[in-house]
């Protein structure tokens, strides 16, 4: 993962994930992206989760990422074809 972050609030930032072809994580990320694009309720749930977490202070960025895991997994479960629930 590559990060571009400028401390100037007016500057843009970006995260770029680079994965090898056929990597299961790439499929997972695309499934999540597509779900958010097509399901406003899940998109708002994820956005509100991120907003709430952004209001907290994190010693390590990974702790923020870990805190989103439960919501991400719930959204992915709904996104997977042939789910049982």
PDB file of N, CA and C in Angstrom:
ATOM      1  N   UNK A   1       0.844  -1.168   0.000  1.00  0.00           N
ATOM      2  CA  UNK A   1       0.000   0.000   0.000  1.00  0.00           C
ATOM      3  C   UNK A   1       0.888   1.230   0.000  1.00  0.00           C
ATOM      4  N   UNK A   2       0.570   2.132  -0.885  1.00  0.00           N
ATOM      5  CA  UNK A   2       1.291   3.393  -0.967  1.00  0.00           C
ATOM      6  C   UNK A   2       0.346   4.503  -0.539  1.00  0.00           C
ATOM      7  N   UNK A   3       0.874   5.467   0.206  1.00  0.00           N
ATOM      8  CA  UNK A   3       0.043   6.568   0.685  1.00  0.00           C
ATOM      9  C   UNK A   3       0.633   7.894   0.234  1.00  0.00           C
ATOM     10  N   UNK A   4      -0.211   8.754  -0.265  1.00  0.00           N
ATOM     11  CA  UNK A   4       0.164  10.134  -0.537  1.00  0.00           C
ATOM     12  C   UNK A   4      -0.637  10.973   0.442  1.00  0.00           C
ATOM     13  N   UNK A   5       0.056  11.699   1.264  1.00  0.00           N
ATOM     14  CA  UNK A   5      -0.632  12.530   2.242  1.00  0.00           C
ATOM     15  C   UNK A   5       0.136  13.834   2.375  1.00  0.00           C
ATOM     16  N   UNK A   6      -0.569  14.913   2.218  1.00  0.00           N
ATOM     17  CA  UNK A   6       0.009  16.240   2.369  1.00  0.00           C
ATOM     18  C   UNK A   6      -0.586  16.851   3.632  1.00  0.00           C
ATOM     19  N   UNK A   7       0.230  17.447   4.439  1.00  0.00           N
ATOM     20  CA  UNK A   7      -0.257  18.015   5.692  1.00  0.00           C
ATOM     21  C   UNK A   7      -1.098  19.269   5.470  1.00  0.00           C
ATOM     22  N   UNK A   8      -1.000  19.882   4.310  1.00  0.00           N
ATOM     23  CA  UNK A   8      -1.830  21.041   3.994  1.00  0.00           C
ATOM     24  C   UNK A   8      -3.270  20.579   3.830  1.00  0.00           C
ATOM     25  N   UNK A   9      -4.217  21.112   4.627  1.00  0.00           N
ATOM     26  CA  UNK A   9      -5.608  20.646   4.555  1.00  0.00           C
ATOM     27  C   UNK A   9      -6.251  20.782   3.180  1.00  0.00           C
ATOM     28  N   UNK A  10      -5.750  21.698   2.350  1.00  0.00           N
ATOM     29  CA  UNK A  10      -6.345  21.864   1.020  1.00  0.00           C
ATOM     30  C   UNK A  10      -5.799  20.862   0.008  1.00  0.00           C
ATOM     31  N   UNK A  11      -4.768  20.133   0.364  1.00  0.00           N
ATOM     32  CA  UNK A  11      -4.155  19.170  -0.558  1.00  0.00           C
ATOM     33  C   UNK A  11      -4.902  17.850  -0.553  1.00  0.00           C
ATOM     34  N   UNK A  12      -4.866  17.165  -1.650  1.00  0.00           N
ATOM     35  CA  UNK A  12      -5.507  15.859  -1.741  1.00  0.00           C
ATOM     36  C   UNK A  12      -4.642  14.769  -1.130  1.00  0.00           C
ATOM     37  N   UNK A  13      -5.266  13.654  -0.856  1.00  0.00           N
ATOM     38  CA  UNK A  13      -4.524  12.493  -0.373  1.00  0.00           C
ATOM     39  C   UNK A  13      -5.077  11.261  -1.060  1.00  0.00           C
ATOM     40  N   UNK A  14      -4.318  10.196  -1.061  1.00  0.00           N
ATOM     41  CA  UNK A  14      -4.759   8.974  -1.723  1.00  0.00           C
ATOM     42  C   UNK A  14      -4.065   7.776  -1.106  1.00  0.00           C
ATOM     43  N   UNK A  15      -4.747   6.642  -1.165  1.00  0.00           N
ATOM     44  CA  UNK A  15      -4.164   5.352  -0.805  1.00  0.00           C
ATOM     45  C   UNK A  15      -4.208   4.495  -2.053  1.00  0.00           C
ATOM     46  N   UNK A  16      -3.111   3.866  -2.384  1.00  0.00           N
ATOM     47  CA  UNK A  16      -3.044   3.005  -3.554  1.00  0.00           C
ATOM     48  C   UNK A  16      -2.635   1.613  -3.095  1.00  0.00           C
ATOM     49  N   UNK A  17      -3.506   0.643  -3.324  1.00  0.00           N
ATOM     50  CA  UNK A  17      -3.208  -0.743  -2.988  1.00  0.00           C
ATOM     51  C   UNK A  17      -2.722  -1.430  -4.263  1.00  0.00           C
ATOM     52  N   UNK A  18      -1.570  -2.056  -4.208  1.00  0.00           N
ATOM     53  CA  UNK A  18      -1.002  -2.769  -5.343  1.00  0.00           C
ATOM     54  C   UNK A  18      -0.947  -4.243  -4.955  1.00  0.00           C
ATOM     55  N   UNK A  19      -1.677  -5.069  -5.716  1.00  0.00           N
ATOM     56  CA  UNK A  19      -1.785  -6.496  -5.400  1.00  0.00           C
ATOM     57  C   UNK A  19      -1.458  -7.320  -6.637  1.00  0.00           C
ATOM     58  N   UNK A  20      -0.924  -8.511  -6.452  1.00  0.00           N
ATOM     59  CA  UNK A  20      -0.616  -9.356  -7.617  1.00  0.00           C
ATOM     60  C   UNK A  20      -1.897  -9.868  -8.274  1.00  0.00           C
ATOM     61  N   UNK A  21      -1.810 -10.154  -9.549  1.00  0.00           N
ATOM     62  CA  UNK A  21      -2.950 -10.702 -10.292  1.00  0.00           C
ATOM     63  C   UNK A  21      -3.431 -11.978  -9.613  1.00  0.00           C
ATOM     64  N   UNK A  22      -4.751 -12.125  -9.507  1.00  0.00           N
ATOM     65  CA  UNK A  22      -5.333 -13.317  -8.918  1.00  0.00           C
ATOM     66  C   UNK A  22      -5.363 -13.319  -7.401  1.00  0.00           C
ATOM     67  N   UNK A  23      -4.953 -12.245  -6.787  1.00  0.00           N
ATOM     68  CA  UNK A  23      -4.926 -12.159  -5.326  1.00  0.00           C
ATOM     69  C   UNK A  23      -6.365 -12.117  -4.793  1.00  0.00           C
ATOM     70  N   UNK A  24      -6.737 -13.011  -3.870  1.00  0.00           N
ATOM     71  CA  UNK A  24      -8.097 -12.996  -3.322  1.00  0.00           C
ATOM     72  C   UNK A  24      -8.481 -11.665  -2.678  1.00  0.00           C
ATOM     73  N   UNK A  25      -7.514 -10.961  -2.117  1.00  0.00           N
ATOM     74  CA  UNK A  25      -7.813  -9.676  -1.484  1.00  0.00           C
ATOM     75  C   UNK A  25      -8.302  -8.656  -2.514  1.00  0.00           C
ATOM     76  N   UNK A  26      -7.781  -8.725  -3.731  1.00  0.00           N
ATOM     77  CA  UNK A  26      -8.241  -7.814  -4.784  1.00  0.00           C
ATOM     78  C   UNK A  26      -9.721  -8.063  -5.072  1.00  0.00           C
ATOM     79  N   UNK A  27     -10.106  -9.316  -5.183  1.00  0.00           N
ATOM     80  CA  UNK A  27     -11.516  -9.649  -5.418  1.00  0.00           C
ATOM     81  C   UNK A  27     -12.386  -9.163  -4.264  1.00  0.00           C
ATOM     82  N   UNK A  28     -11.902  -9.312  -3.063  1.00  0.00           N
ATOM     83  CA  UNK A  28     -12.639  -8.876  -1.874  1.00  0.00           C
ATOM     84  C   UNK A  28     -12.843  -7.362  -1.889  1.00  0.00           C
ATOM     85  N   UNK A  29     -11.791  -6.631  -2.219  1.00  0.00           N
ATOM     86  CA  UNK A  29     -11.880  -5.170  -2.271  1.00  0.00           C
ATOM     87  C   UNK A  29     -12.856  -4.703  -3.359  1.00  0.00           C
ATOM     88  N   UNK A  30     -12.815  -5.357  -4.502  1.00  0.00           N
ATOM     89  CA  UNK A  30     -13.727  -4.995  -5.585  1.00  0.00           C
ATOM     90  C   UNK A  30     -15.169  -5.331  -5.238  1.00  0.00           C
ATOM     91  N   UNK A  31     -15.384  -6.447  -4.575  1.00  0.00           N
ATOM     92  CA  UNK A  31     -16.724  -6.817  -4.136  1.00  0.00           C
ATOM     93  C   UNK A  31     -17.264  -5.766  -3.162  1.00  0.00           C
ATOM     94  N   UNK A  32     -16.428  -5.327  -2.242  1.00  0.00           N
ATOM     95  CA  UNK A  32     -16.814  -4.303  -1.272  1.00  0.00           C
ATOM     96  C   UNK A  32     -17.125  -2.988  -1.993  1.00  0.00           C
ATOM     97  N   UNK A  33     -16.249  -2.579  -2.884  1.00  0.00           N
ATOM     98  CA  UNK A  33     -16.474  -1.345  -3.650  1.00  0.00           C
ATOM     99  C   UNK A  33     -17.792  -1.387  -4.406  1.00  0.00           C
ATOM    100  N   UNK A  34     -18.018  -2.488  -5.094  1.00  0.00           N
ATOM    101  CA  UNK A  34     -19.240  -2.616  -5.891  1.00  0.00           C
ATOM    102  C   UNK A  34     -20.489  -2.601  -5.015  1.00  0.00           C
ATOM    103  N   UNK A  35     -20.414  -3.203  -3.849  1.00  0.00           N
ATOM    104  CA  UNK A  35     -21.548  -3.199  -2.932  1.00  0.00           C
ATOM    105  C   UNK A  35     -21.861  -1.766  -2.487  1.00  0.00           C
ATOM    106  N   UNK A  36     -20.828  -1.013  -2.153  1.00  0.00           N
ATOM    107  CA  UNK A  36     -21.053   0.362  -1.719  1.00  0.00           C
ATOM    108  C   UNK A  36     -21.621   1.215  -2.852  1.00  0.00           C
ATOM    109  N   UNK A  37     -21.217   0.945  -4.074  1.00  0.00           N
ATOM    110  CA  UNK A  37     -21.719   1.705  -5.220  1.00  0.00           C
ATOM    111  C   UNK A  37     -23.198   1.450  -5.481  1.00  0.00           C
ATOM    112  N   UNK A  38     -23.676   0.269  -5.153  1.00  0.00           N
ATOM    113  CA  UNK A  38     -25.041  -0.117  -5.526  1.00  0.00           C
ATOM    114  C   UNK A  38     -26.026  -0.210  -4.367  1.00  0.00           C
ATOM    115  N   UNK A  39     -25.563  -0.034  -3.141  1.00  0.00           N
ATOM    116  CA  UNK A  39     -26.441  -0.162  -1.975  1.00  0.00           C
ATOM    117  C   UNK A  39     -26.244   1.043  -1.041  1.00  0.00           C
ATOM    118  N   UNK A  40     -27.098   2.057  -1.196  1.00  0.00           N
ATOM    119  CA  UNK A  40     -26.946   3.281  -0.403  1.00  0.00           C
ATOM    120  C   UNK A  40     -26.936   3.046   1.109  1.00  0.00           C
ATOM    121  N   UNK A  41     -27.702   2.100   1.596  1.00  0.00           N
ATOM    122  CA  UNK A  41     -27.722   1.836   3.031  1.00  0.00           C
ATOM    123  C   UNK A  41     -26.374   1.367   3.549  1.00  0.00           C
ATOM    124  N   UNK A  42     -25.738   0.465   2.819  1.00  0.00           N
ATOM    125  CA  UNK A  42     -24.407  -0.003   3.224  1.00  0.00           C
ATOM    126  C   UNK A  42     -23.372   1.105   3.060  1.00  0.00           C
ATOM    127  N   UNK A  43     -23.513   1.908   2.006  1.00  0.00           N
ATOM    128  CA  UNK A  43     -22.594   3.025   1.789  1.00  0.00           C
ATOM    129  C   UNK A  43     -22.683   4.011   2.963  1.00  0.00           C
ATOM    130  N   UNK A  44     -23.887   4.319   3.409  1.00  0.00           N
ATOM    131  CA  UNK A  44     -24.059   5.254   4.532  1.00  0.00           C
ATOM    132  C   UNK A  44     -23.560   4.640   5.843  1.00  0.00           C
ATOM    133  N   UNK A  45     -23.806   3.340   6.050  1.00  0.00           N
ATOM    134  CA  UNK A  45     -23.299   2.663   7.241  1.00  0.00           C
ATOM    135  C   UNK A  45     -21.776   2.760   7.307  1.00  0.00           C
ATOM    136  N   UNK A  46     -21.123   2.502   6.191  1.00  0.00           N
ATOM    137  CA  UNK A  46     -19.663   2.567   6.146  1.00  0.00           C
ATOM    138  C   UNK A  46     -19.182   4.003   6.356  1.00  0.00           C
ATOM    139  N   UNK A  47     -19.841   4.964   5.705  1.00  0.00           N
ATOM    140  CA  UNK A  47     -19.446   6.367   5.850  1.00  0.00           C
ATOM    141  C   UNK A  47     -19.615   6.838   7.291  1.00  0.00           C
ATOM    142  N   UNK A  48     -20.728   6.483   7.915  1.00  0.00           N
ATOM    143  CA  UNK A  48     -20.953   6.901   9.303  1.00  0.00           C
ATOM    144  C   UNK A  48     -19.950   6.231  10.245  1.00  0.00           C
ATOM    145  N   UNK A  49     -19.631   4.977   9.979  1.00  0.00           N
ATOM    146  CA  UNK A  49     -18.615   4.285  10.781  1.00  0.00           C
ATOM    147  C   UNK A  49     -17.288   5.014  10.683  1.00  0.00           C
ATOM    148  N   UNK A  50     -16.897   5.370   9.470  1.00  0.00           N
ATOM    149  CA  UNK A  50     -15.633   6.085   9.274  1.00  0.00           C
ATOM    150  C   UNK A  50     -15.658   7.455   9.941  1.00  0.00           C
ATOM    151  N   UNK A  51     -16.790   8.159   9.851  1.00  0.00           N
ATOM    152  CA  UNK A  51     -16.891   9.471  10.497  1.00  0.00           C
ATOM    153  C   UNK A  51     -16.735   9.340  12.015  1.00  0.00           C
ATOM    154  N   UNK A  52     -17.412   8.362  12.596  1.00  0.00           N
ATOM    155  CA  UNK A  52     -17.326   8.158  14.047  1.00  0.00           C
ATOM    156  C   UNK A  52     -15.897   7.807  14.460  1.00  0.00           C
ATOM    157  N   UNK A  53     -15.260   6.955  13.698  1.00  0.00           N
ATOM    158  CA  UNK A  53     -13.892   6.564  14.032  1.00  0.00           C
ATOM    159  C   UNK A  53     -12.908   7.706  13.822  1.00  0.00           C
ATOM    160  N   UNK A  54     -13.178   8.559  12.841  1.00  0.00           N
ATOM    161  CA  UNK A  54     -12.287   9.691  12.560  1.00  0.00           C
ATOM    162  C   UNK A  54     -12.303  10.715  13.697  1.00  0.00           C
ATOM    163  N   UNK A  55     -13.359  10.717  14.480  1.00  0.00           N
ATOM    164  CA  UNK A  55     -13.434  11.642  15.617  1.00  0.00           C
ATOM    165  C   UNK A  55     -12.553  11.190  16.788  1.00  0.00           C
ATOM    166  N   UNK A  56     -12.057   9.971  16.713  1.00  0.00           N
ATOM    167  CA  UNK A  56     -11.204   9.441  17.783  1.00  0.00           C
ATOM    168  C   UNK A  56      -9.731   9.671  17.437  1.00  0.00           C
ATOM    169  N   UNK A  57      -8.904   9.614  18.449  1.00  0.00           N
ATOM    170  CA  UNK A  57      -7.459   9.717  18.237  1.00  0.00           C
ATOM    171  C   UNK A  57      -6.884   8.301  18.214  1.00  0.00           C
ATOM    172  N   UNK A  58      -6.011   8.034  17.264  1.00  0.00           N
ATOM    173  CA  UNK A  58      -5.428   6.702  17.092  1.00  0.00           C
ATOM    174  C   UNK A  58      -3.908   6.813  17.157  1.00  0.00           C
ATOM    175  N   UNK A  59      -3.322   6.022  18.017  1.00  0.00           N
ATOM    176  CA  UNK A  59      -1.856   5.998  18.095  1.00  0.00           C
ATOM    177  C   UNK A  59      -1.277   5.418  16.809  1.00  0.00           C
ATOM    178  N   UNK A  60      -1.931   4.380  16.308  1.00  0.00           N
ATOM    179  CA  UNK A  60      -1.478   3.729  15.084  1.00  0.00           C
ATOM    180  C   UNK A  60      -2.626   3.683  14.088  1.00  0.00           C
ATOM    181  N   UNK A  61      -2.351   3.967  12.839  1.00  0.00           N
ATOM    182  CA  UNK A  61      -3.365   3.931  11.787  1.00  0.00           C
ATOM    183  C   UNK A  61      -4.014   2.550  11.701  1.00  0.00           C
ATOM    184  N   UNK A  62      -3.258   1.512  11.960  1.00  0.00           N
ATOM    185  CA  UNK A  62      -3.807   0.156  11.883  1.00  0.00           C
ATOM    186  C   UNK A  62      -4.939  -0.058  12.889  1.00  0.00           C
ATOM    187  N   UNK A  63      -4.871   0.611  14.035  1.00  0.00           N
ATOM    188  CA  UNK A  63      -5.955   0.492  15.015  1.00  0.00           C
ATOM    189  C   UNK A  63      -7.263   1.037  14.453  1.00  0.00           C
ATOM    190  N   UNK A  64      -7.185   2.115  13.698  1.00  0.00           N
ATOM    191  CA  UNK A  64      -8.358   2.677  13.015  1.00  0.00           C
ATOM    192  C   UNK A  64      -8.889   1.663  12.007  1.00  0.00           C
ATOM    193  N   UNK A  65      -8.003   1.098  11.209  1.00  0.00           N
ATOM    194  CA  UNK A  65      -8.406   0.107  10.207  1.00  0.00           C
ATOM    195  C   UNK A  65      -9.049  -1.107  10.877  1.00  0.00           C
ATOM    196  N   UNK A  66      -8.459  -1.568  11.957  1.00  0.00           N
ATOM    197  CA  UNK A  66      -9.011  -2.723  12.676  1.00  0.00           C
ATOM    198  C   UNK A  66     -10.402  -2.420  13.235  1.00  0.00           C
ATOM    199  N   UNK A  67     -10.616  -1.183  13.649  1.00  0.00           N
ATOM    200  CA  UNK A  67     -11.905  -0.810  14.238  1.00  0.00           C
ATOM    201  C   UNK A  67     -13.036  -0.853  13.205  1.00  0.00           C
ATOM    202  N   UNK A  68     -12.709  -0.756  11.921  1.00  0.00           N
ATOM    203  CA  UNK A  68     -13.715  -0.830  10.855  1.00  0.00           C
ATOM    204  C   UNK A  68     -14.052  -2.261  10.461  1.00  0.00           C
ATOM    205  N   UNK A  69     -13.276  -3.218  10.902  1.00  0.00           N
ATOM    206  CA  UNK A  69     -13.371  -4.596  10.418  1.00  0.00           C
ATOM    207  C   UNK A  69     -14.762  -5.198  10.553  1.00  0.00           C
ATOM    208  N   UNK A  70     -15.397  -5.043  11.688  1.00  0.00           N
ATOM    209  CA  UNK A  70     -16.704  -5.670  11.898  1.00  0.00           C
ATOM    210  C   UNK A  70     -17.733  -5.164  10.877  1.00  0.00           C
ATOM    211  N   UNK A  71     -17.764  -3.874  10.649  1.00  0.00           N
ATOM    212  CA  UNK A  71     -18.712  -3.302   9.681  1.00  0.00           C
ATOM    213  C   UNK A  71     -18.373  -3.759   8.268  1.00  0.00           C
ATOM    214  N   UNK A  72     -17.102  -3.751   7.927  1.00  0.00           N
ATOM    215  CA  UNK A  72     -16.683  -4.202   6.595  1.00  0.00           C
ATOM    216  C   UNK A  72     -17.099  -5.655   6.371  1.00  0.00           C
ATOM    217  N   UNK A  73     -16.878  -6.502   7.349  1.00  0.00           N
ATOM    218  CA  UNK A  73     -17.229  -7.920   7.209  1.00  0.00           C
ATOM    219  C   UNK A  73     -18.742  -8.116   7.081  1.00  0.00           C
ATOM    220  N   UNK A  74     -19.529  -7.337   7.812  1.00  0.00           N
ATOM    221  CA  UNK A  74     -20.994  -7.433   7.678  1.00  0.00           C
ATOM    222  C   UNK A  74     -21.435  -7.038   6.276  1.00  0.00           C
ATOM    223  N   UNK A  75     -20.853  -5.975   5.743  1.00  0.00           N
ATOM    224  CA  UNK A  75     -21.196  -5.536   4.389  1.00  0.00           C
ATOM    225  C   UNK A  75     -20.764  -6.582   3.370  1.00  0.00           C
ATOM    226  N   UNK A  76     -19.578  -7.127   3.531  1.00  0.00           N
ATOM    227  CA  UNK A  76     -19.101  -8.161   2.608  1.00  0.00           C
ATOM    228  C   UNK A  76     -19.981  -9.411   2.649  1.00  0.00           C
ATOM    229  N   UNK A  77     -20.449  -9.761   3.825  1.00  0.00           N
ATOM    230  CA  UNK A  77     -21.323 -10.931   3.944  1.00  0.00           C
ATOM    231  C   UNK A  77     -22.588 -10.733   3.108  1.00  0.00           C
ATOM    232  N   UNK A  78     -23.136  -9.522   3.147  1.00  0.00           N
ATOM    233  CA  UNK A  78     -24.322  -9.240   2.338  1.00  0.00           C
ATOM    234  C   UNK A  78     -23.992  -9.193   0.849  1.00  0.00           C
ATOM    235  N   UNK A  79     -22.770  -8.858   0.520  1.00  0.00           N
ATOM    236  CA  UNK A  79     -22.370  -8.710  -0.882  1.00  0.00           C
ATOM    237  C   UNK A  79     -22.081 -10.045  -1.565  1.00  0.00           C
ATOM    238  N   UNK A  80     -21.708 -11.044  -0.800  1.00  0.00           N
ATOM    239  CA  UNK A  80     -21.292 -12.311  -1.406  1.00  0.00           C
ATOM    240  C   UNK A  80     -22.477 -13.035  -2.023  1.00  0.00           C
ATOM    241  N   UNK A  81     -22.311 -13.490  -3.264  1.00  0.00           N
ATOM    242  CA  UNK A  81     -23.397 -14.244  -3.900  1.00  0.00           C
ATOM    243  C   UNK A  81     -23.642 -15.564  -3.161  1.00  0.00           C
ATOM    244  N   UNK A  82     -24.879 -16.026  -3.212  1.00  0.00           N
ATOM    245  CA  UNK A  82     -25.258 -17.310  -2.596  1.00  0.00           C
ATOM    246  C   UNK A  82     -25.030 -17.329  -1.099  1.00  0.00           C
ATOM    247  N   UNK A  83     -25.178 -16.184  -0.469  1.00  0.00           N
ATOM    248  CA  UNK A  83     -25.012 -16.165   0.989  1.00  0.00           C
ATOM    249  C   UNK A  83     -26.176 -16.921   1.633  1.00  0.00           C
ATOM    250  N   UNK A  84     -25.955 -17.405   2.827  1.00  0.00           N
ATOM    251  CA  UNK A  84     -26.962 -18.213   3.495  1.00  0.00           C
ATOM    252  C   UNK A  84     -27.879 -17.398   4.395  1.00  0.00           C
ATOM    253  N   UNK A  85     -27.528 -16.148   4.679  1.00  0.00           N
ATOM    254  CA  UNK A  85     -28.368 -15.352   5.571  1.00  0.00           C
ATOM    255  C   UNK A  85     -29.077 -14.252   4.807  1.00  0.00           C
TER     256      UNK A  85
END
